[in-house]
Amino acid sequence: AELLMFLEVLSFLTDNSDLSARFSISGTIFLAMVSLYGPMADNLPKVSVVTRVDKWHLQNFFLLFVSNVENLMAFMFRGVINRRFMENFESVLGILYLFFVIKNFNWFVAPLKEREEYELLLDWLEDTSDWLKEKFLPWRNKNKGRKSVAAKNWGTAATEVRGAVRFKNSVIKHD
């Protein structure tokens, strides 16, 4: 869903006299988000309160709605406001839209940093990136001829993450 929100910026870059092109981008993204939300909501436990995922999706839908309002306003004022000013203003609005999308995403994933698996995942990502650099970018390797610990043991952190997740899932299933 977050990738779709990033793709919505394309509607800011389309010609403001072509409302159908702008709404086709936004409409397609809206339909895709609705189709993603349904199965996701079905797979989550049913609770009587609004969850963090629900709030995140509502904020995404709100940002998409605001983007549609901007598309409509740009179309309505295309002959009234200077074209150069309108293009620059829409670029600023597109950047502002991206800021709020990223802010919403950071708000959503912030609690993940508190989990134990987060540190293990960072270790795995670091080990994997080191291994990929050595494998595919050998000219950037400053220690030519020597293999790093990451290249030798790139799977160690991944094994720990999988083990922690399996243990956590088994504890949840038995409770």
C-alpha atoms as a PDB file:
ATOM      1  CA  ALA A   1       0.000   0.000   0.000  1.00  0.00           C
ATOM      2  CA  GLU A   2       2.873   2.352   0.733  1.00  0.00           C
ATOM      3  CA  LEU A   3       4.297   1.897  -2.755  1.00  0.00           C
ATOM      4  CA  LEU A   4       0.918   2.909  -4.159  1.00  0.00           C
ATOM      5  CA  MET A   5       1.003   6.039  -2.044  1.00  0.00           C
ATOM      6  CA  PHE A   6       4.412   6.912  -3.509  1.00  0.00           C
ATOM      7  CA  LEU A   7       3.080   6.319  -7.025  1.00  0.00           C
ATOM      8  CA  GLU A   8       0.301   8.843  -6.403  1.00  0.00           C
ATOM      9  CA  VAL A   9       2.945  11.574  -6.826  1.00  0.00           C
ATOM     10  CA  LEU A  10       2.699  10.879 -10.560  1.00  0.00           C
ATOM     11  CA  SER A  11      -0.680  12.610 -10.536  1.00  0.00           C
ATOM     12  CA  PHE A  12       1.061  15.807  -9.399  1.00  0.00           C
ATOM     13  CA  LEU A  13       3.427  15.573 -12.369  1.00  0.00           C
ATOM     14  CA  THR A  14       0.726  15.127 -15.026  1.00  0.00           C
ATOM     15  CA  ASP A  15      -0.466  18.063 -17.089  1.00  0.00           C
ATOM     16  CA  ASN A  16      -3.089  19.964 -15.084  1.00  0.00           C
ATOM     17  CA  SER A  17      -5.338  20.357 -18.128  1.00  0.00           C
ATOM     18  CA  ASP A  18      -5.771  16.572 -18.412  1.00  0.00           C
ATOM     19  CA  LEU A  19      -8.086  15.791 -15.496  1.00  0.00           C
ATOM     20  CA  SER A  20      -8.899  12.302 -16.785  1.00  0.00           C
ATOM     21  CA  ALA A  21      -5.215  11.293 -16.670  1.00  0.00           C
ATOM     22  CA  ARG A  22      -4.872  12.587 -13.131  1.00  0.00           C
ATOM     23  CA  PHE A  23      -8.024  10.876 -11.910  1.00  0.00           C
ATOM     24  CA  SER A  24      -7.148   7.641 -13.688  1.00  0.00           C
ATOM     25  CA  ILE A  25      -3.916   7.478 -11.674  1.00  0.00           C
ATOM     26  CA  SER A  26      -5.626   8.366  -8.402  1.00  0.00           C
ATOM     27  CA  GLY A  27      -8.667   6.174  -9.094  1.00  0.00           C
ATOM     28  CA  THR A  28      -6.552   3.140  -9.910  1.00  0.00           C
ATOM     29  CA  ILE A  29      -4.501   3.642  -6.769  1.00  0.00           C
ATOM     30  CA  PHE A  30      -7.655   4.047  -4.683  1.00  0.00           C
ATOM     31  CA  LEU A  31      -9.133   0.802  -6.050  1.00  0.00           C
ATOM     32  CA  ALA A  32      -5.858  -1.052  -5.488  1.00  0.00           C
ATOM     33  CA  MET A  33      -5.689   0.186  -1.890  1.00  0.00           C
ATOM     34  CA  VAL A  34      -9.268  -0.877  -1.224  1.00  0.00           C
ATOM     35  CA  SER A  35      -8.551  -4.311  -2.672  1.00  0.00           C
ATOM     36  CA  LEU A  36      -5.459  -4.614  -0.443  1.00  0.00           C
ATOM     37  CA  TYR A  37      -7.265  -3.450   2.674  1.00  0.00           C
ATOM     38  CA  GLY A  38     -10.021  -6.091   2.512  1.00  0.00           C
ATOM     39  CA  PRO A  39      -7.858  -9.242   2.694  1.00  0.00           C
ATOM     40  CA  MET A  40      -5.531  -7.591   5.208  1.00  0.00           C
ATOM     41  CA  ALA A  41      -8.450  -6.747   7.503  1.00  0.00           C
ATOM     42  CA  ASP A  42      -9.839 -10.283   7.122  1.00  0.00           C
ATOM     43  CA  ASN A  43      -6.534 -11.832   8.225  1.00  0.00           C
ATOM     44  CA  LEU A  44      -6.178  -9.715  11.361  1.00  0.00           C
ATOM     45  CA  PRO A  45      -7.881 -10.657  14.619  1.00  0.00           C
ATOM     46  CA  LYS A  46     -11.306  -9.106  15.039  1.00  0.00           C
ATOM     47  CA  VAL A  47     -11.268  -6.484  17.790  1.00  0.00           C
ATOM     48  CA  SER A  48     -13.778  -3.841  18.795  1.00  0.00           C
ATOM     49  CA  VAL A  49     -11.298  -0.948  18.676  1.00  0.00           C
ATOM     50  CA  VAL A  50      -9.576   0.893  15.854  1.00  0.00           C
ATOM     51  CA  THR A  51      -6.141  -0.670  15.409  1.00  0.00           C
ATOM     52  CA  ARG A  52      -2.892   0.932  14.301  1.00  0.00           C
ATOM     53  CA  VAL A  53      -3.283  -0.696  10.874  1.00  0.00           C
ATOM     54  CA  ASP A  54      -6.763   0.808  10.540  1.00  0.00           C
ATOM     55  CA  LYS A  55      -5.446   4.260  11.449  1.00  0.00           C
ATOM     56  CA  TRP A  56      -2.580   3.890   8.984  1.00  0.00           C
ATOM     57  CA  HIS A  57      -4.940   2.944   6.167  1.00  0.00           C
ATOM     58  CA  LEU A  58      -7.342   5.748   7.056  1.00  0.00           C
ATOM     59  CA  GLN A  59      -4.485   8.247   6.935  1.00  0.00           C
ATOM     60  CA  ASN A  60      -3.427   6.849   3.550  1.00  0.00           C
ATOM     61  CA  PHE A  61      -6.982   7.184   2.243  1.00  0.00           C
ATOM     62  CA  PHE A  62      -7.135  10.746   3.589  1.00  0.00           C
ATOM     63  CA  LEU A  63      -3.867  11.647   1.821  1.00  0.00           C
ATOM     64  CA  LEU A  64      -5.222  10.121  -1.376  1.00  0.00           C
ATOM     65  CA  PHE A  65      -8.414  12.158  -1.002  1.00  0.00           C
ATOM     66  CA  VAL A  66      -6.392  15.362  -0.497  1.00  0.00           C
ATOM     67  CA  SER A  67      -4.391  14.515  -3.607  1.00  0.00           C
ATOM     68  CA  ASN A  68      -7.629  14.160  -5.573  1.00  0.00           C
ATOM     69  CA  VAL A  69      -8.835  17.525  -4.287  1.00  0.00           C
ATOM     70  CA  GLU A  70      -5.532  19.050  -5.412  1.00  0.00           C
ATOM     71  CA  ASN A  71      -5.979  17.468  -8.862  1.00  0.00           C
ATOM     72  CA  LEU A  72      -9.432  18.976  -9.161  1.00  0.00           C
ATOM     73  CA  MET A  73      -8.302  22.412  -7.943  1.00  0.00           C
ATOM     74  CA  ALA A  74      -5.346  22.431 -10.367  1.00  0.00           C
ATOM     75  CA  PHE A  75      -7.736  21.646 -13.204  1.00  0.00           C
ATOM     76  CA  MET A  76     -10.228  24.324 -12.171  1.00  0.00           C
ATOM     77  CA  PHE A  77      -7.602  27.081 -11.771  1.00  0.00           C
ATOM     78  CA  ARG A  78      -5.461  26.151 -14.806  1.00  0.00           C
ATOM     79  CA  GLY A  79      -6.621  29.196 -16.795  1.00  0.00           C
ATOM     80  CA  VAL A  80      -6.681  31.625 -13.879  1.00  0.00           C
ATOM     81  CA  ILE A  81      -3.216  31.130 -12.381  1.00  0.00           C
ATOM     82  CA  ASN A  82       0.058  31.598 -14.257  1.00  0.00           C
ATOM     83  CA  ARG A  83       1.143  28.241 -15.758  1.00  0.00           C
ATOM     84  CA  ARG A  84       4.752  28.486 -14.531  1.00  0.00           C
ATOM     85  CA  PHE A  85       3.616  29.333 -10.998  1.00  0.00           C
ATOM     86  CA  MET A  86       1.103  26.454 -11.064  1.00  0.00           C
ATOM     87  CA  GLU A  87       3.783  23.935 -12.135  1.00  0.00           C
ATOM     88  CA  ASN A  88       6.144  25.059  -9.361  1.00  0.00           C
ATOM     89  CA  PHE A  89       3.339  25.103  -6.805  1.00  0.00           C
ATOM     90  CA  GLU A  90       2.289  21.580  -7.764  1.00  0.00           C
ATOM     91  CA  SER A  91       5.890  20.402  -7.407  1.00  0.00           C
ATOM     92  CA  VAL A  92       5.940  21.828  -3.885  1.00  0.00           C
ATOM     93  CA  LEU A  93       2.603  20.154  -3.127  1.00  0.00           C
ATOM     94  CA  GLY A  94       3.963  16.862  -4.480  1.00  0.00           C
ATOM     95  CA  ILE A  95       6.970  17.104  -2.172  1.00  0.00           C
ATOM     96  CA  LEU A  96       4.680  17.998   0.725  1.00  0.00           C
ATOM     97  CA  TYR A  97       2.483  15.001  -0.124  1.00  0.00           C
ATOM     98  CA  LEU A  98       5.558  12.722  -0.101  1.00  0.00           C
ATOM     99  CA  PHE A  99       6.597  14.165   3.261  1.00  0.00           C
ATOM    100  CA  PHE A 100       3.247  13.212   4.792  1.00  0.00           C
ATOM    101  CA  VAL A 101       3.320   9.756   3.196  1.00  0.00           C
ATOM    102  CA  ILE A 102       6.778   9.099   4.662  1.00  0.00           C
ATOM    103  CA  LYS A 103       5.717  10.554   8.018  1.00  0.00           C
ATOM    104  CA  ASN A 104       2.667   8.263   8.058  1.00  0.00           C
ATOM    105  CA  PHE A 105       4.813   5.237   7.196  1.00  0.00           C
ATOM    106  CA  ASN A 106       7.366   6.081   9.911  1.00  0.00           C
ATOM    107  CA  TRP A 107       4.535   6.434  12.434  1.00  0.00           C
ATOM    108  CA  PHE A 108       3.248   3.002  11.435  1.00  0.00           C
ATOM    109  CA  VAL A 109       6.587   1.166  11.702  1.00  0.00           C
ATOM    110  CA  ALA A 110       7.892   2.999  14.803  1.00  0.00           C
ATOM    111  CA  PRO A 111       6.755   0.274  17.254  1.00  0.00           C
ATOM    112  CA  LEU A 112       8.695  -2.346  15.276  1.00  0.00           C
ATOM    113  CA  LYS A 113      11.955  -0.792  16.468  1.00  0.00           C
ATOM    114  CA  GLU A 114      11.116  -1.862  20.013  1.00  0.00           C
ATOM    115  CA  ARG A 115      10.905  -5.542  19.089  1.00  0.00           C
ATOM    116  CA  GLU A 116      13.783  -7.935  19.627  1.00  0.00           C
ATOM    117  CA  GLU A 117      13.705  -9.101  16.018  1.00  0.00           C
ATOM    118  CA  TYR A 118      14.428  -5.555  14.803  1.00  0.00           C
ATOM    119  CA  GLU A 119      18.081  -5.656  15.906  1.00  0.00           C
ATOM    120  CA  LEU A 120      18.490  -9.121  14.442  1.00  0.00           C
ATOM    121  CA  LEU A 121      16.975  -7.963  11.184  1.00  0.00           C
ATOM    122  CA  LEU A 122      19.363  -5.003  11.032  1.00  0.00           C
ATOM    123  CA  ASP A 123      22.297  -7.361  11.619  1.00  0.00           C
ATOM    124  CA  TRP A 124      21.056  -9.643   8.854  1.00  0.00           C
ATOM    125  CA  LEU A 125      20.623  -6.698   6.458  1.00  0.00           C
ATOM    126  CA  GLU A 126      24.116  -5.438   7.235  1.00  0.00           C
ATOM    127  CA  ASP A 127      25.649  -8.895   6.766  1.00  0.00           C
ATOM    128  CA  THR A 128      23.760  -9.441   3.540  1.00  0.00           C
ATOM    129  CA  SER A 129      24.705  -6.030   2.122  1.00  0.00           C
ATOM    130  CA  ASP A 130      28.369  -6.685   2.949  1.00  0.00           C
ATOM    131  CA  TRP A 131      28.174 -10.078   1.273  1.00  0.00           C
ATOM    132  CA  LEU A 132      26.468  -8.615  -1.815  1.00  0.00           C
ATOM    133  CA  LYS A 133      29.074  -5.854  -2.070  1.00  0.00           C
ATOM    134  CA  GLU A 134      31.880  -8.396  -1.974  1.00  0.00           C
ATOM    135  CA  LYS A 135      30.179 -10.687  -4.462  1.00  0.00           C
ATOM    136  CA  PHE A 136      28.956  -8.153  -7.023  1.00  0.00           C
ATOM    137  CA  LEU A 137      31.188  -5.133  -6.445  1.00  0.00           C
ATOM    138  CA  PRO A 138      34.673  -6.649  -5.980  1.00  0.00           C
ATOM    139  CA  TRP A 139      36.420  -3.479  -7.210  1.00  0.00           C
ATOM    140  CA  ARG A 140      35.032  -1.606  -4.205  1.00  0.00           C
ATOM    141  CA  ASN A 141      36.458  -4.122  -1.748  1.00  0.00           C
ATOM    142  CA  LYS A 142      39.358  -2.477   0.080  1.00  0.00           C
ATOM    143  CA  ASN A 143      40.542  -5.800   1.563  1.00  0.00           C
ATOM    144  CA  LYS A 144      41.178  -7.627  -1.697  1.00  0.00           C
ATOM    145  CA  GLY A 145      42.057 -11.242  -1.268  1.00  0.00           C
ATOM    146  CA  ARG A 146      40.495 -11.478   2.202  1.00  0.00           C
ATOM    147  CA  LYS A 147      36.935 -12.522   2.872  1.00  0.00           C
ATOM    148  CA  SER A 148      35.104 -10.655   5.587  1.00  0.00           C
ATOM    149  CA  VAL A 149      33.304 -12.275   8.480  1.00  0.00           C
ATOM    150  CA  ALA A 150      30.035 -11.159   6.895  1.00  0.00           C
ATOM    151  CA  ALA A 151      30.807 -13.028   3.677  1.00  0.00           C
ATOM    152  CA  LYS A 152      31.674 -16.201   5.585  1.00  0.00           C
ATOM    153  CA  ASN A 153      28.747 -16.090   8.010  1.00  0.00           C
ATOM    154  CA  TRP A 154      26.089 -14.166   6.116  1.00  0.00           C
ATOM    155  CA  GLY A 155      23.380 -16.558   7.213  1.00  0.00           C
ATOM    156  CA  THR A 156      24.012 -16.338  10.969  1.00  0.00           C
ATOM    157  CA  ALA A 157      21.770 -13.346  11.632  1.00  0.00           C
ATOM    158  CA  ALA A 158      19.074 -14.698   9.323  1.00  0.00           C
ATOM    159  CA  THR A 159      19.048 -17.974  11.240  1.00  0.00           C
ATOM    160  CA  GLU A 160      18.692 -16.082  14.521  1.00  0.00           C
ATOM    161  CA  VAL A 161      15.796 -14.018  13.163  1.00  0.00           C
ATOM    162  CA  ARG A 162      13.993 -17.111  11.881  1.00  0.00           C
ATOM    163  CA  GLY A 163      14.589 -18.904  15.182  1.00  0.00           C
ATOM    164  CA  ALA A 164      13.288 -15.959  17.217  1.00  0.00           C
ATOM    165  CA  VAL A 165      10.182 -15.676  15.046  1.00  0.00           C
ATOM    166  CA  ARG A 166       9.511 -19.438  15.235  1.00  0.00           C
ATOM    167  CA  PHE A 167       9.920 -19.387  19.012  1.00  0.00           C
ATOM    168  CA  LYS A 168       7.639 -16.372  19.362  1.00  0.00           C
ATOM    169  CA  ASN A 169       5.014 -17.947  17.083  1.00  0.00           C
ATOM    170  CA  SER A 170       5.135 -21.226  19.002  1.00  0.00           C
ATOM    171  CA  VAL A 171       4.667 -19.368  22.299  1.00  0.00           C
ATOM    172  CA  ILE A 172       1.684 -17.474  20.868  1.00  0.00           C
ATOM    173  CA  LYS A 173       0.079 -20.673  19.522  1.00  0.00           C
ATOM    174  CA  HIS A 174       0.412 -22.444  22.889  1.00  0.00           C
ATOM    175  CA  ASP A 175      -1.064 -19.569  24.933  1.00  0.00           C
END
